[in-house]
Protein backbone atom coordinates (compact mmCIF):
# COMPACT_ATOMS: atom_id res chain seq x y z
CA UNK A 1 0.00 0.00 0.00
CA UNK A 2 1.55 3.34 -1.11
CA UNK A 3 1.60 6.61 0.83
CA UNK A 4 -1.27 8.13 -1.16
CA UNK A 5 -3.55 5.23 -0.31
CA UNK A 6 -2.62 5.47 3.38
CA UNK A 7 -3.32 9.22 3.41
CA UNK A 8 -6.65 8.69 1.67
CA UNK A 9 -7.72 6.06 4.21
CA UNK A 10 -6.54 8.14 7.17
CA UNK A 11 -8.64 11.10 5.97
CA UNK A 12 -11.78 9.05 5.33
CA UNK A 13 -14.84 9.34 7.54
CA UNK A 14 -14.82 5.58 8.21
CA UNK A 15 -11.30 5.81 9.60
CA UNK A 16 -12.35 8.58 11.98
CA UNK A 17 -15.30 6.52 13.21
CA UNK A 18 -13.01 3.53 13.65
CA UNK A 19 -10.67 5.66 15.81
CA UNK A 20 -13.63 6.78 17.92
CA UNK A 21 -14.64 3.14 18.38
CA UNK A 22 -11.13 2.17 19.50
CA UNK A 23 -10.99 5.05 21.99
CA UNK A 24 -14.48 4.15 23.25
CA UNK A 25 -13.51 0.49 23.74
CA UNK A 26 -10.41 1.47 25.72
CA UNK A 27 -12.33 4.02 27.79
CA UNK A 28 -15.17 1.62 28.61
CA UNK A 29 -12.72 -1.14 29.49
CA UNK A 30 -11.05 1.20 31.98
CA UNK A 31 -14.34 2.53 33.38
CA UNK A 32 -15.86 -0.93 33.85
CA UNK A 33 -12.65 -2.63 35.03
CA UNK A 34 -12.60 -4.90 32.02
CA UNK A 35 -16.25 -6.02 32.11
CA UNK A 36 -17.01 -4.47 28.72
CA UNK A 37 -14.36 -6.54 26.96
CA UNK A 38 -15.20 -9.88 28.55
CA UNK A 39 -16.02 -12.52 25.94
CA UNK A 40 -19.53 -13.07 27.30
CA UNK A 41 -20.41 -9.39 27.03
CA UNK A 42 -18.98 -9.13 23.52
CA UNK A 43 -20.96 -12.16 22.30
CA UNK A 44 -24.16 -10.84 23.91
CA UNK A 45 -23.59 -7.46 22.31
CA UNK A 46 -23.11 -8.95 18.85
CA UNK A 47 -26.14 -11.22 19.23
CA UNK A 48 -28.53 -8.59 20.60
CA UNK A 49 -27.69 -5.87 18.08
CA UNK A 50 -27.64 -8.04 14.97
CA UNK A 51 -31.39 -7.64 14.43
CA UNK A 52 -31.10 -3.85 14.44
CA UNK A 53 -28.04 -4.11 12.23
CA UNK A 54 -29.97 -6.01 9.56
CA UNK A 55 -32.72 -3.38 9.66
CA UNK A 56 -30.11 -0.60 9.42
CA UNK A 57 -28.74 -2.09 6.18
CA UNK A 58 -32.20 -1.81 4.63
CA UNK A 59 -32.53 1.75 5.90
CA UNK A 60 -29.15 2.54 4.27
CA UNK A 61 -30.51 1.77 0.79
CA UNK A 62 -33.47 4.11 1.24
CA UNK A 63 -31.32 7.00 2.47
CA UNK A 64 -28.76 6.58 -0.33
CA UNK A 65 -31.66 6.86 -2.81
CA UNK A 66 -32.59 10.21 -1.29
CA UNK A 67 -35.44 9.13 1.02
CA UNK A 68 -36.01 8.42 4.69
CA UNK A 69 -38.13 5.51 5.92
CA UNK A 70 -39.47 5.61 9.47
CA UNK A 71 -42.00 2.80 9.00
CA UNK A 72 -39.48 -0.07 8.98
CA UNK A 73 -40.16 -1.16 12.56
CA UNK A 74 -43.91 -1.32 11.90
CA UNK A 75 -43.28 -3.30 8.70
CA UNK A 76 -41.00 -5.70 10.58
CA UNK A 77 -43.55 -6.13 13.36
CA UNK A 78 -46.25 -7.19 10.89
CA UNK A 79 -43.91 -9.67 9.18
CA UNK A 80 -42.85 -11.05 12.56
CA UNK A 81 -46.45 -11.49 13.75
CA UNK A 82 -47.65 -13.22 10.59
CA UNK A 83 -44.64 -15.58 10.62
CA UNK A 84 -45.31 -16.38 14.29
CA UNK A 85 -48.97 -17.13 13.57
CA UNK A 86 -47.95 -19.52 10.81
CA UNK A 87 -45.47 -21.30 13.09
CA UNK A 88 -47.99 -21.73 15.88
CA UNK A 89 -50.80 -23.03 13.68
CA UNK A 90 -48.95 -24.78 10.81
CA UNK A 91 -45.47 -25.57 12.08
CA UNK A 92 -43.15 -25.14 9.12
CA UNK A 93 -39.39 -24.56 9.21
CA UNK A 94 -36.87 -21.75 9.12
CA UNK A 95 -36.99 -21.46 5.32
CA UNK A 96 -40.77 -21.14 5.30
CA UNK A 97 -41.00 -18.49 8.02
CA UNK A 98 -38.15 -16.48 6.50
CA UNK A 99 -40.00 -16.61 3.17
CA UNK A 100 -43.28 -15.45 4.74
CA UNK A 101 -41.52 -12.62 6.57
CA UNK A 102 -39.54 -11.45 3.51
CA UNK A 103 -42.58 -11.50 1.20
CA UNK A 104 -44.67 -9.58 3.75
CA UNK A 105 -41.96 -6.98 4.35
CA UNK A 106 -41.28 -6.54 0.64
CA UNK A 107 -44.96 -6.03 -0.22
CA UNK A 108 -45.38 -3.41 2.51
CA UNK A 109 -42.20 -1.76 1.24
CA UNK A 110 -43.70 -1.63 -2.26
CA UNK A 111 -46.67 0.31 -0.85
CA UNK A 112 -44.27 2.88 0.59
CA UNK A 113 -42.46 3.09 -2.76
CA UNK A 114 -45.63 3.77 -4.74
CA UNK A 115 -46.79 6.41 -2.25
CA UNK A 116 -43.39 8.13 -2.27
CA UNK A 117 -43.16 8.06 -6.06
CA UNK A 118 -46.70 9.23 -6.80
CA UNK A 119 -47.46 11.69 -4.00
CA UNK A 120 -44.15 13.58 -4.35
CA UNK A 121 -44.41 14.49 -0.66
CA UNK A 122 -41.46 14.30 1.78
CA UNK A 123 -40.64 10.65 2.40
CA UNK A 124 -40.37 11.27 6.13
CA UNK A 125 -44.01 12.42 6.29
CA UNK A 126 -45.28 9.56 4.11
CA UNK A 127 -43.53 6.84 6.08
CA UNK A 128 -44.57 8.31 9.43
CA UNK A 129 -48.12 8.08 8.07
CA UNK A 130 -47.77 4.46 6.93
CA UNK A 131 -46.12 3.57 10.25
CA UNK A 132 -49.08 4.87 12.22
CA UNK A 133 -51.61 3.26 9.88
CA UNK A 134 -49.87 -0.12 10.18
CA UNK A 135 -49.61 0.07 13.96
CA UNK A 136 -53.20 1.24 14.28
CA UNK A 137 -54.64 -1.50 12.08
CA UNK A 138 -52.56 -4.27 13.63
CA UNK A 139 -53.34 -3.20 17.20
CA UNK A 140 -57.05 -3.22 16.33
CA UNK A 141 -56.85 -6.65 14.67
CA UNK A 142 -54.62 -8.34 17.25
CA UNK A 143 -55.72 -6.40 20.36
CA UNK A 144 -52.03 -6.23 21.24
CA UNK A 145 -51.87 -9.94 22.10
CA UNK A 146 -48.34 -11.34 22.35
CA UNK A 147 -47.69 -14.71 20.73
CA UNK A 148 -45.81 -17.51 22.53
CA UNK A 149 -45.59 -21.29 22.33
CA UNK A 150 -43.54 -21.76 19.19
CA UNK A 151 -42.60 -25.17 17.72
CA UNK A 152 -39.63 -26.97 19.26
CA UNK A 153 -37.39 -26.39 16.24
CA UNK A 154 -37.78 -22.62 16.81
CA UNK A 155 -37.85 -22.50 20.60
CA UNK A 156 -35.16 -25.07 21.39
CA UNK A 157 -32.04 -22.98 21.28
CA UNK A 158 -28.56 -22.81 22.76
CA UNK A 159 -26.07 -19.96 22.93
CA UNK A 160 -24.26 -21.14 19.81
CA UNK A 161 -27.46 -21.19 17.75
CA UNK A 162 -28.42 -17.71 18.97
CA UNK A 163 -25.08 -16.35 17.85
CA UNK A 164 -25.09 -18.24 14.54
CA UNK A 165 -28.61 -17.18 13.53
CA UNK A 166 -28.27 -13.51 14.49
CA UNK A 167 -24.67 -12.68 13.62
CA UNK A 168 -24.59 -15.09 10.67
CA UNK A 169 -27.67 -13.46 9.16
CA UNK A 170 -26.22 -9.98 9.62
CA UNK A 171 -22.95 -11.02 7.96
CA UNK A 172 -24.81 -12.56 4.99
CA UNK A 173 -27.02 -9.50 4.60
CA UNK A 174 -24.00 -7.17 4.61
CA UNK A 175 -22.20 -9.17 1.95
CA UNK A 176 -25.30 -9.17 -0.26
CA UNK A 177 -25.88 -5.44 0.31
CA UNK A 178 -22.23 -4.63 -0.51
CA UNK A 179 -22.43 -6.67 -3.71
CA UNK A 180 -25.65 -4.95 -4.81
CA UNK A 181 -24.36 -1.43 -4.19
CA UNK A 182 -20.88 -1.94 -5.63
CA UNK A 183 -21.22 -4.57 -8.33
CA UNK A 184 -24.68 -4.24 -9.92
CA UNK A 185 -26.45 -1.78 -12.22
CA UNK A 186 -29.22 -1.36 -9.67
CA UNK A 187 -26.69 -0.30 -7.05
CA UNK A 188 -25.33 2.40 -9.38
CA UNK A 189 -28.88 3.54 -10.12
CA UNK A 190 -29.62 3.86 -6.40
CA UNK A 191 -26.63 6.20 -5.99
CA UNK A 192 -27.57 8.10 -9.16
CA UNK A 193 -31.16 8.74 -8.07
CA UNK A 194 -30.01 9.83 -4.62
CA UNK A 195 -27.32 12.11 -6.02
CA UNK A 196 -29.49 13.87 -8.59
CA UNK A 197 -32.94 12.52 -9.37
CA UNK A 198 -33.58 14.78 -12.35
CA UNK A 199 -30.24 13.92 -13.96
CA UNK A 200 -30.96 10.21 -13.36
CA UNK A 201 -34.31 10.58 -15.15
CA UNK A 202 -32.62 12.24 -18.13
CA UNK A 203 -30.23 9.29 -18.30
CA UNK A 204 -33.17 6.93 -18.69
CA UNK A 205 -33.24 5.57 -15.14
CA UNK A 206 -36.69 4.61 -13.87
CA UNK A 207 -37.08 6.34 -10.51
CA UNK A 208 -40.16 4.26 -9.72
CA UNK A 209 -38.17 1.07 -10.31
CA UNK A 210 -35.41 2.29 -7.97
CA UNK A 211 -37.96 3.28 -5.32
CA UNK A 212 -39.66 -0.11 -5.57
CA UNK A 213 -36.30 -1.81 -5.11
CA UNK A 214 -34.99 0.22 -2.15
CA UNK A 215 -38.24 0.32 -0.19
CA UNK A 216 -38.92 -3.34 -0.97
CA UNK A 217 -35.39 -4.23 0.14
CA UNK A 218 -35.80 -2.14 3.32
CA UNK A 219 -39.07 -3.95 4.05
CA UNK A 220 -37.42 -7.33 3.57
CA UNK A 221 -34.53 -6.40 5.89
CA UNK A 222 -36.98 -5.10 8.51
CA UNK A 223 -38.80 -8.44 8.32
CA UNK A 224 -35.60 -10.46 8.72
CA UNK A 225 -34.46 -8.28 11.63
CA UNK A 226 -37.85 -8.65 13.34
CA UNK A 227 -37.71 -12.42 12.88
CA UNK A 228 -34.28 -12.52 14.55
CA UNK A 229 -35.74 -10.48 17.40
CA UNK A 230 -38.58 -13.00 17.70
CA UNK A 231 -36.10 -15.86 17.84
CA UNK A 232 -34.07 -14.17 20.58
CA UNK A 233 -37.03 -13.09 22.72
CA UNK A 234 -39.27 -16.10 21.99
CA UNK A 235 -42.32 -13.91 21.55
CA UNK A 236 -44.00 -11.95 18.78
CA UNK A 237 -45.70 -8.64 19.37
CA UNK A 238 -46.80 -5.69 17.28
CA UNK A 239 -44.94 -3.47 19.75
CA UNK A 240 -41.80 -5.64 19.83
CA UNK A 241 -39.63 -3.14 17.95
CA UNK A 242 -41.60 0.03 18.61
CA UNK A 243 -39.53 2.99 19.78
CA UNK A 244 -36.18 1.83 18.35
CA UNK A 245 -36.48 3.70 15.05
CA UNK A 246 -34.03 6.42 16.07
CA UNK A 247 -31.40 3.88 17.18
CA UNK A 248 -31.44 2.29 13.73
CA UNK A 249 -31.39 5.66 11.97
CA UNK A 250 -28.44 6.71 14.13
CA UNK A 251 -26.52 3.58 13.09
CA UNK A 252 -26.80 4.63 9.46
CA UNK A 253 -26.14 8.33 10.08
CA UNK A 254 -23.05 7.63 12.20
CA UNK A 255 -21.85 5.42 9.36
CA UNK A 256 -21.42 8.49 7.18
CA UNK A 257 -24.49 8.35 4.95
CA UNK A 258 -25.67 11.65 3.50
CA UNK A 259 -29.29 12.39 4.44
CA UNK A 260 -29.67 14.21 1.13
CA UNK A 261 -28.84 10.97 -0.72
CA UNK A 262 -26.16 9.75 -3.09
CA UNK A 263 -23.60 8.82 -0.46
CA UNK A 264 -23.21 5.94 1.98
CA UNK A 265 -21.57 2.55 2.38
CA UNK A 266 -22.11 -0.84 3.99
CA UNK A 267 -18.76 -0.65 5.76
CA UNK A 268 -19.67 2.72 7.25
CA UNK A 269 -23.02 1.36 8.43
CA UNK A 270 -21.24 -1.56 10.11
CA UNK A 271 -19.09 0.92 12.03
CA UNK A 272 -22.23 2.87 12.94
CA UNK A 273 -23.85 -0.30 14.28
CA UNK A 274 -20.77 -1.04 16.41
CA UNK A 275 -20.65 2.53 17.71
CA UNK A 276 -24.32 2.62 18.77
CA UNK A 277 -24.04 -0.84 20.35
CA UNK A 278 -20.95 0.22 22.33
CA UNK A 279 -22.59 3.44 23.50
CA UNK A 280 -25.75 1.66 24.64
CA UNK A 281 -23.94 -1.21 26.32
CA UNK A 282 -21.31 1.06 27.86
CA UNK A 283 -23.89 3.32 29.48
CA UNK A 284 -25.62 0.31 31.01
CA UNK A 285 -22.36 -1.08 32.41
CA UNK A 286 -21.30 2.28 33.78
CA UNK A 287 -24.72 2.85 35.31
CA UNK A 288 -25.68 5.91 33.29
CA UNK A 289 -29.40 6.50 32.66
CA UNK A 290 -30.70 5.36 29.27
CA UNK A 291 -32.07 8.88 28.77
CA UNK A 292 -28.51 10.03 28.10
CA UNK A 293 -28.27 7.53 25.24
CA UNK A 294 -31.44 9.00 23.75
CA UNK A 295 -29.94 12.48 24.15
CA UNK A 296 -26.74 11.47 22.34
CA UNK A 297 -28.55 9.69 19.51
CA UNK A 298 -31.07 12.50 19.11
CA UNK A 299 -28.27 15.06 18.99
CA UNK A 300 -26.39 13.08 16.33
CA UNK A 301 -29.47 12.88 14.09
CA UNK A 302 -30.29 16.58 14.61
CA UNK A 303 -26.73 17.63 13.77
CA UNK A 304 -26.79 15.43 10.68
CA UNK A 305 -30.02 17.06 9.47
CA UNK A 306 -28.50 20.50 10.09
CA UNK A 307 -25.33 19.64 8.17
CA UNK A 308 -27.37 18.22 5.28
CA UNK A 309 -29.54 21.34 5.17
CA UNK A 310 -26.47 23.60 5.23
CA UNK A 311 -24.90 21.65 2.36
CA UNK A 312 -28.07 21.91 0.27
CA UNK A 313 -28.31 25.67 0.88
CA UNK A 314 -24.63 26.12 0.00
CA UNK A 315 -25.06 24.09 -3.19
CA UNK A 316 -28.04 26.25 -4.28
CA UNK A 317 -26.05 29.42 -3.62
CA UNK A 318 -23.17 28.16 -5.77
CA UNK A 319 -25.60 27.26 -8.57
CA UNK A 320 -27.22 30.70 -8.29
């Protein structure tokens, strides 16, 4: 590796986040007298945050395309609940419930895509609307009942299977996501639409097709993440993932994605996942109130929105 490559890496945003992670690991290890770096804690951390990591990868695609999806937790909850109902009443196997969850999440994602493409309204507003509609309908239909009593093949688990299912799924999802973004035409179209939608249209790119893909993919990832959560907790509930939307969004934002679209990476999102997981776990071990975590995450998202807005205003001034 030559000096230019080293300088380029050292100046990259991912490298800065990696340095923050290293400092945070050392600081937490000192503050907790080594508890944070014990093997058991590390394995628990990786297992428990894998579900949110999978969902964050789906969220990454939407943000790169220039949108923001807040409905992913609601979409995942529906997919989780329907898969759980099938398991309880029909049995099945892992392949079948993954298929049910992915199809459900993808179809709900398609609805978001059509609404975003046709209404031309801010994606944040549209997906907040679909989130509330989904939660409202499902709470009315299910009365908020939690599902238990899964088949033995789903409920009989050991620590090794927990780790393999959760972390293994996250690793597979990240490899697939990296390949799509870096090695396929659709990946290049996602970046193009997020970077400049009008220019992408003039180049013959179907914006509707890109929207259908990214929101469908985000729905599928939300479904897989929710299914992992169901496997870990051994229960399915419409409210299982409710309230964690900002944590997932922070994972993507801390990974260096541009909220205006056209920029972001899987490797950066992985670092964002690690950073949020370390912050959350570290605060628990140190004994700091969880409200401080919410304050930090909220501040990060707010700053990111401010920076994005400032960049857009600066770009318009230069064009003018």
